[in-house]
Amino acid sequence: MVSQRILQHGNKRRRFYGAASDALILWDSQGRMVDVNPAAWEMGGYTREEFLKKPFDEHIHPSSLSSFEEFKHNVARFKAASTETRAIRKDGKIIDLESRSIPMP
């Protein structure tokens, strides 16, 4: 019975994750991307595999690297954080993003 509830909860989370229009990226405790939703890779013009293969810092425009590093530092310390970031799409176009992090147990 408990495993059935866990499975149902996981299915609901996956449906929400896949349907979200905002880019959602899941990170592990070492700051590595472990999953992204379709909005994340499509926003950048990548396939899922291409997006995950590329180190995330390479998606960030050089003008935003220092603020993004501070954002990652706060995230690694399990703090809620936000930053405005310029990112580089696969086609080279620069896009402006707002990144937010909410720690989850």
N, C-alpha and C. Protein backbone atom coordinates (compact mmCIF):
# COMPACT_ATOMS: atom_id res chain seq x y z
N MET A 1 0.82 -1.18 0.00
CA MET A 1 0.00 0.00 0.00
C MET A 1 0.87 1.26 0.00
N VAL A 2 1.90 1.31 0.85
CA VAL A 2 2.76 2.48 0.91
C VAL A 2 3.51 2.65 -0.41
N SER A 3 4.03 1.56 -0.98
CA SER A 3 4.76 1.68 -2.24
C SER A 3 3.85 2.16 -3.36
N GLN A 4 2.59 1.81 -3.33
CA GLN A 4 1.61 2.29 -4.32
C GLN A 4 1.47 3.81 -4.22
N ARG A 5 1.39 4.33 -3.00
CA ARG A 5 1.27 5.78 -2.80
C ARG A 5 2.53 6.50 -3.27
N ILE A 6 3.67 5.95 -3.00
CA ILE A 6 4.93 6.55 -3.44
C ILE A 6 4.96 6.59 -4.96
N LEU A 7 4.56 5.51 -5.61
CA LEU A 7 4.52 5.45 -7.07
C LEU A 7 3.56 6.49 -7.64
N GLN A 8 2.37 6.62 -7.03
CA GLN A 8 1.39 7.60 -7.50
C GLN A 8 1.94 9.02 -7.33
N HIS A 9 2.59 9.29 -6.21
CA HIS A 9 3.17 10.61 -5.96
C HIS A 9 4.23 10.91 -7.02
N GLY A 10 5.07 9.93 -7.31
CA GLY A 10 6.12 10.11 -8.33
C GLY A 10 5.54 10.38 -9.70
N ASN A 11 4.46 9.70 -10.04
CA ASN A 11 3.81 9.92 -11.34
C ASN A 11 3.24 11.33 -11.44
N LYS A 12 2.61 11.81 -10.36
CA LYS A 12 2.07 13.18 -10.35
C LYS A 12 3.19 14.19 -10.51
N ARG A 13 4.30 13.98 -9.81
CA ARG A 13 5.44 14.90 -9.90
C ARG A 13 5.99 14.93 -11.32
N ARG A 14 6.13 13.76 -11.95
CA ARG A 14 6.64 13.70 -13.32
C ARG A 14 5.71 14.41 -14.30
N ARG A 15 4.39 14.26 -14.13
CA ARG A 15 3.45 14.94 -15.03
C ARG A 15 3.57 16.45 -14.87
N PHE A 16 3.63 16.93 -13.63
CA PHE A 16 3.79 18.37 -13.37
C PHE A 16 5.10 18.86 -13.98
N TYR A 17 6.16 18.14 -13.72
CA TYR A 17 7.50 18.50 -14.17
C TYR A 17 7.54 18.63 -15.69
N GLY A 18 6.95 17.66 -16.38
CA GLY A 18 6.97 17.67 -17.84
C GLY A 18 6.06 18.72 -18.45
N ALA A 19 4.99 19.09 -17.75
CA ALA A 19 4.02 20.04 -18.29
C ALA A 19 4.35 21.49 -17.96
N ALA A 20 5.27 21.74 -17.07
CA ALA A 20 5.59 23.11 -16.66
C ALA A 20 6.13 23.92 -17.83
N SER A 21 5.67 25.16 -17.95
CA SER A 21 6.17 26.03 -19.02
C SER A 21 7.49 26.70 -18.64
N ASP A 22 7.80 26.76 -17.35
CA ASP A 22 9.09 27.28 -16.89
C ASP A 22 10.12 26.16 -16.94
N ALA A 23 11.37 26.55 -17.18
CA ALA A 23 12.45 25.58 -17.16
C ALA A 23 12.68 25.11 -15.72
N LEU A 24 12.71 23.81 -15.52
CA LEU A 24 12.98 23.22 -14.21
C LEU A 24 14.20 22.32 -14.33
N ILE A 25 15.14 22.52 -13.44
CA ILE A 25 16.37 21.72 -13.44
C ILE A 25 16.55 21.14 -12.05
N LEU A 26 16.76 19.84 -11.98
CA LEU A 26 17.04 19.18 -10.71
C LEU A 26 18.54 18.99 -10.59
N TRP A 27 19.06 19.32 -9.41
CA TRP A 27 20.50 19.25 -9.13
C TRP A 27 20.73 18.25 -8.00
N ASP A 28 21.88 17.58 -8.02
CA ASP A 28 22.22 16.73 -6.88
C ASP A 28 22.97 17.57 -5.85
N SER A 29 23.35 16.96 -4.75
CA SER A 29 23.99 17.71 -3.66
C SER A 29 25.40 18.20 -4.02
N GLN A 30 25.98 17.71 -5.12
CA GLN A 30 27.29 18.18 -5.57
C GLN A 30 27.17 19.26 -6.65
N GLY A 31 25.93 19.71 -6.93
CA GLY A 31 25.73 20.77 -7.91
C GLY A 31 25.72 20.31 -9.34
N ARG A 32 25.48 19.02 -9.58
CA ARG A 32 25.40 18.50 -10.94
C ARG A 32 23.94 18.36 -11.36
N MET A 33 23.68 18.68 -12.64
CA MET A 33 22.32 18.49 -13.17
C MET A 33 22.02 17.01 -13.24
N VAL A 34 20.85 16.63 -12.74
CA VAL A 34 20.44 15.23 -12.85
C VAL A 34 19.22 15.06 -13.74
N ASP A 35 18.44 16.12 -13.91
CA ASP A 35 17.28 16.05 -14.79
C ASP A 35 16.84 17.44 -15.18
N VAL A 36 16.22 17.56 -16.32
CA VAL A 36 15.65 18.82 -16.81
C VAL A 36 14.31 18.52 -17.45
N ASN A 37 13.41 19.48 -17.41
CA ASN A 37 12.14 19.29 -18.09
C ASN A 37 12.25 19.80 -19.53
N PRO A 38 11.27 19.48 -20.37
CA PRO A 38 11.34 19.91 -21.77
C PRO A 38 11.50 21.42 -21.94
N ALA A 39 10.88 22.23 -21.10
CA ALA A 39 11.01 23.68 -21.24
C ALA A 39 12.46 24.12 -21.14
N ALA A 40 13.25 23.47 -20.31
CA ALA A 40 14.65 23.85 -20.13
C ALA A 40 15.46 23.63 -21.40
N TRP A 41 15.39 22.44 -21.97
CA TRP A 41 16.22 22.19 -23.14
C TRP A 41 15.66 22.88 -24.37
N GLU A 42 14.35 23.01 -24.48
CA GLU A 42 13.77 23.68 -25.65
C GLU A 42 14.09 25.17 -25.65
N MET A 43 14.10 25.80 -24.46
CA MET A 43 14.44 27.22 -24.34
C MET A 43 15.83 27.49 -24.89
N GLY A 44 16.73 26.55 -24.68
CA GLY A 44 18.09 26.70 -25.15
C GLY A 44 18.34 26.17 -26.55
N GLY A 45 17.31 25.57 -27.16
CA GLY A 45 17.47 25.04 -28.52
C GLY A 45 18.19 23.70 -28.58
N TYR A 46 18.22 22.98 -27.48
CA TYR A 46 18.92 21.70 -27.40
C TYR A 46 17.95 20.53 -27.34
N THR A 47 18.48 19.34 -27.56
CA THR A 47 17.76 18.12 -27.19
C THR A 47 18.06 17.88 -25.71
N ARG A 48 17.31 17.02 -25.08
CA ARG A 48 17.55 16.71 -23.68
C ARG A 48 18.98 16.21 -23.47
N GLU A 49 19.40 15.29 -24.33
CA GLU A 49 20.73 14.70 -24.21
C GLU A 49 21.84 15.74 -24.37
N GLU A 50 21.68 16.64 -25.36
CA GLU A 50 22.68 17.69 -25.57
C GLU A 50 22.76 18.61 -24.35
N PHE A 51 21.60 18.99 -23.81
CA PHE A 51 21.55 19.91 -22.68
C PHE A 51 22.25 19.31 -21.47
N LEU A 52 21.96 18.04 -21.16
CA LEU A 52 22.55 17.40 -19.99
C LEU A 52 24.03 17.10 -20.16
N LYS A 53 24.47 16.87 -21.39
CA LYS A 53 25.87 16.53 -21.64
C LYS A 53 26.80 17.74 -21.43
N LYS A 54 26.29 18.92 -21.74
CA LYS A 54 27.11 20.13 -21.65
C LYS A 54 27.17 20.61 -20.21
N PRO A 55 28.37 20.88 -19.67
CA PRO A 55 28.45 21.43 -18.31
C PRO A 55 27.59 22.68 -18.21
N PHE A 56 26.81 22.80 -17.15
CA PHE A 56 25.84 23.89 -17.07
C PHE A 56 26.49 25.26 -17.16
N ASP A 57 27.67 25.44 -16.60
CA ASP A 57 28.34 26.74 -16.65
C ASP A 57 28.59 27.19 -18.09
N GLU A 58 28.68 26.25 -19.02
CA GLU A 58 28.88 26.60 -20.43
C GLU A 58 27.61 27.16 -21.07
N HIS A 59 26.48 27.01 -20.41
CA HIS A 59 25.23 27.62 -20.88
C HIS A 59 25.14 29.08 -20.44
N ILE A 60 25.96 29.49 -19.48
CA ILE A 60 25.89 30.82 -18.89
C ILE A 60 26.81 31.79 -19.64
N HIS A 61 26.29 32.96 -19.95
CA HIS A 61 27.08 34.00 -20.63
C HIS A 61 28.18 34.47 -19.67
N PRO A 62 29.38 34.76 -20.20
CA PRO A 62 30.48 35.19 -19.33
C PRO A 62 30.14 36.37 -18.43
N SER A 63 29.28 37.28 -18.87
CA SER A 63 28.92 38.43 -18.04
C SER A 63 28.11 38.05 -16.81
N SER A 64 27.58 36.83 -16.78
CA SER A 64 26.76 36.38 -15.65
C SER A 64 27.43 35.33 -14.79
N LEU A 65 28.66 34.95 -15.13
CA LEU A 65 29.30 33.85 -14.40
C LEU A 65 29.50 34.14 -12.92
N SER A 66 29.92 35.33 -12.55
CA SER A 66 30.18 35.59 -11.13
C SER A 66 28.88 35.57 -10.32
N SER A 67 27.82 36.17 -10.83
CA SER A 67 26.56 36.14 -10.07
C SER A 67 25.99 34.72 -10.04
N PHE A 68 26.20 33.96 -11.10
CA PHE A 68 25.71 32.59 -11.09
C PHE A 68 26.51 31.72 -10.11
N GLU A 69 27.81 31.99 -9.98
CA GLU A 69 28.62 31.26 -9.01
C GLU A 69 28.13 31.53 -7.59
N GLU A 70 27.77 32.77 -7.31
CA GLU A 70 27.23 33.11 -5.99
C GLU A 70 25.90 32.39 -5.76
N PHE A 71 25.07 32.35 -6.79
CA PHE A 71 23.80 31.63 -6.73
C PHE A 71 24.05 30.15 -6.40
N LYS A 72 24.98 29.52 -7.11
CA LYS A 72 25.29 28.11 -6.86
C LYS A 72 25.82 27.89 -5.45
N HIS A 73 26.62 28.84 -4.96
CA HIS A 73 27.16 28.74 -3.60
C HIS A 73 26.01 28.71 -2.58
N ASN A 74 25.04 29.59 -2.75
CA ASN A 74 23.89 29.61 -1.85
C ASN A 74 23.07 28.34 -1.96
N VAL A 75 22.89 27.86 -3.16
CA VAL A 75 22.14 26.63 -3.37
C VAL A 75 22.84 25.46 -2.68
N ALA A 76 24.17 25.40 -2.82
CA ALA A 76 24.94 24.31 -2.20
C ALA A 76 24.82 24.34 -0.68
N ARG A 77 24.53 25.52 -0.12
CA ARG A 77 24.38 25.64 1.33
C ARG A 77 22.90 25.49 1.74
N PHE A 78 22.09 24.98 0.81
CA PHE A 78 20.66 24.72 1.03
C PHE A 78 19.89 25.98 1.42
N LYS A 79 20.25 27.10 0.77
CA LYS A 79 19.55 28.36 0.97
C LYS A 79 18.67 28.63 -0.25
N ALA A 80 17.53 29.25 -0.01
CA ALA A 80 16.74 29.73 -1.14
C ALA A 80 17.55 30.84 -1.80
N ALA A 81 17.54 30.89 -3.12
CA ALA A 81 18.36 31.87 -3.83
C ALA A 81 17.69 32.27 -5.14
N SER A 82 18.07 33.44 -5.63
CA SER A 82 17.60 33.87 -6.94
C SER A 82 18.66 34.75 -7.58
N THR A 83 18.65 34.79 -8.91
CA THR A 83 19.58 35.63 -9.65
C THR A 83 19.03 35.85 -11.05
N GLU A 84 19.43 36.96 -11.65
CA GLU A 84 19.15 37.18 -13.06
C GLU A 84 20.39 36.77 -13.83
N THR A 85 20.19 35.99 -14.88
CA THR A 85 21.30 35.38 -15.60
C THR A 85 21.12 35.56 -17.09
N ARG A 86 22.22 35.77 -17.79
CA ARG A 86 22.20 35.74 -19.24
C ARG A 86 22.73 34.37 -19.66
N ALA A 87 22.01 33.73 -20.54
CA ALA A 87 22.40 32.40 -21.00
C ALA A 87 22.62 32.42 -22.51
N ILE A 88 23.33 31.42 -22.98
CA ILE A 88 23.65 31.31 -24.39
C ILE A 88 22.91 30.11 -24.96
N ARG A 89 22.06 30.36 -25.95
CA ARG A 89 21.35 29.28 -26.64
C ARG A 89 22.31 28.52 -27.57
N LYS A 90 21.90 27.38 -28.02
CA LYS A 90 22.70 26.58 -28.94
C LYS A 90 23.02 27.36 -30.22
N ASP A 91 22.08 28.21 -30.68
CA ASP A 91 22.29 29.00 -31.90
C ASP A 91 23.12 30.26 -31.64
N GLY A 92 23.60 30.46 -30.38
CA GLY A 92 24.44 31.60 -30.04
C GLY A 92 23.68 32.82 -29.54
N LYS A 93 22.36 32.81 -29.66
CA LYS A 93 21.56 33.94 -29.19
C LYS A 93 21.63 34.02 -27.66
N ILE A 94 21.71 35.24 -27.14
CA ILE A 94 21.74 35.48 -25.70
C ILE A 94 20.31 35.66 -25.20
N ILE A 95 19.97 34.99 -24.12
CA ILE A 95 18.64 35.14 -23.53
C ILE A 95 18.80 35.50 -22.05
N ASP A 96 17.84 36.27 -21.55
CA ASP A 96 17.83 36.66 -20.14
C ASP A 96 16.93 35.72 -19.36
N LEU A 97 17.44 35.24 -18.24
CA LEU A 97 16.70 34.30 -17.41
C LEU A 97 16.67 34.78 -15.97
N GLU A 98 15.66 34.36 -15.26
CA GLU A 98 15.61 34.55 -13.81
C GLU A 98 15.68 33.17 -13.20
N SER A 99 16.66 32.94 -12.37
CA SER A 99 16.85 31.63 -11.74
C SER A 99 16.46 31.71 -10.27
N ARG A 100 15.72 30.72 -9.82
CA ARG A 100 15.32 30.62 -8.42
C ARG A 100 15.60 29.19 -7.96
N SER A 101 15.97 29.10 -6.71
CA SER A 101 16.23 27.79 -6.11
C SER A 101 15.49 27.69 -4.79
N ILE A 102 14.85 26.57 -4.61
CA ILE A 102 14.18 26.28 -3.35
C ILE A 102 14.70 24.94 -2.86
N PRO A 103 15.39 24.93 -1.72
CA PRO A 103 15.91 23.65 -1.21
C PRO A 103 14.77 22.71 -0.86
N MET A 104 14.96 21.45 -1.17
CA MET A 104 13.97 20.43 -0.83
C MET A 104 14.63 19.34 -0.04
N PRO A 105 13.95 18.85 0.98
CA PRO A 105 14.56 17.79 1.81
C PRO A 105 14.71 16.49 1.04
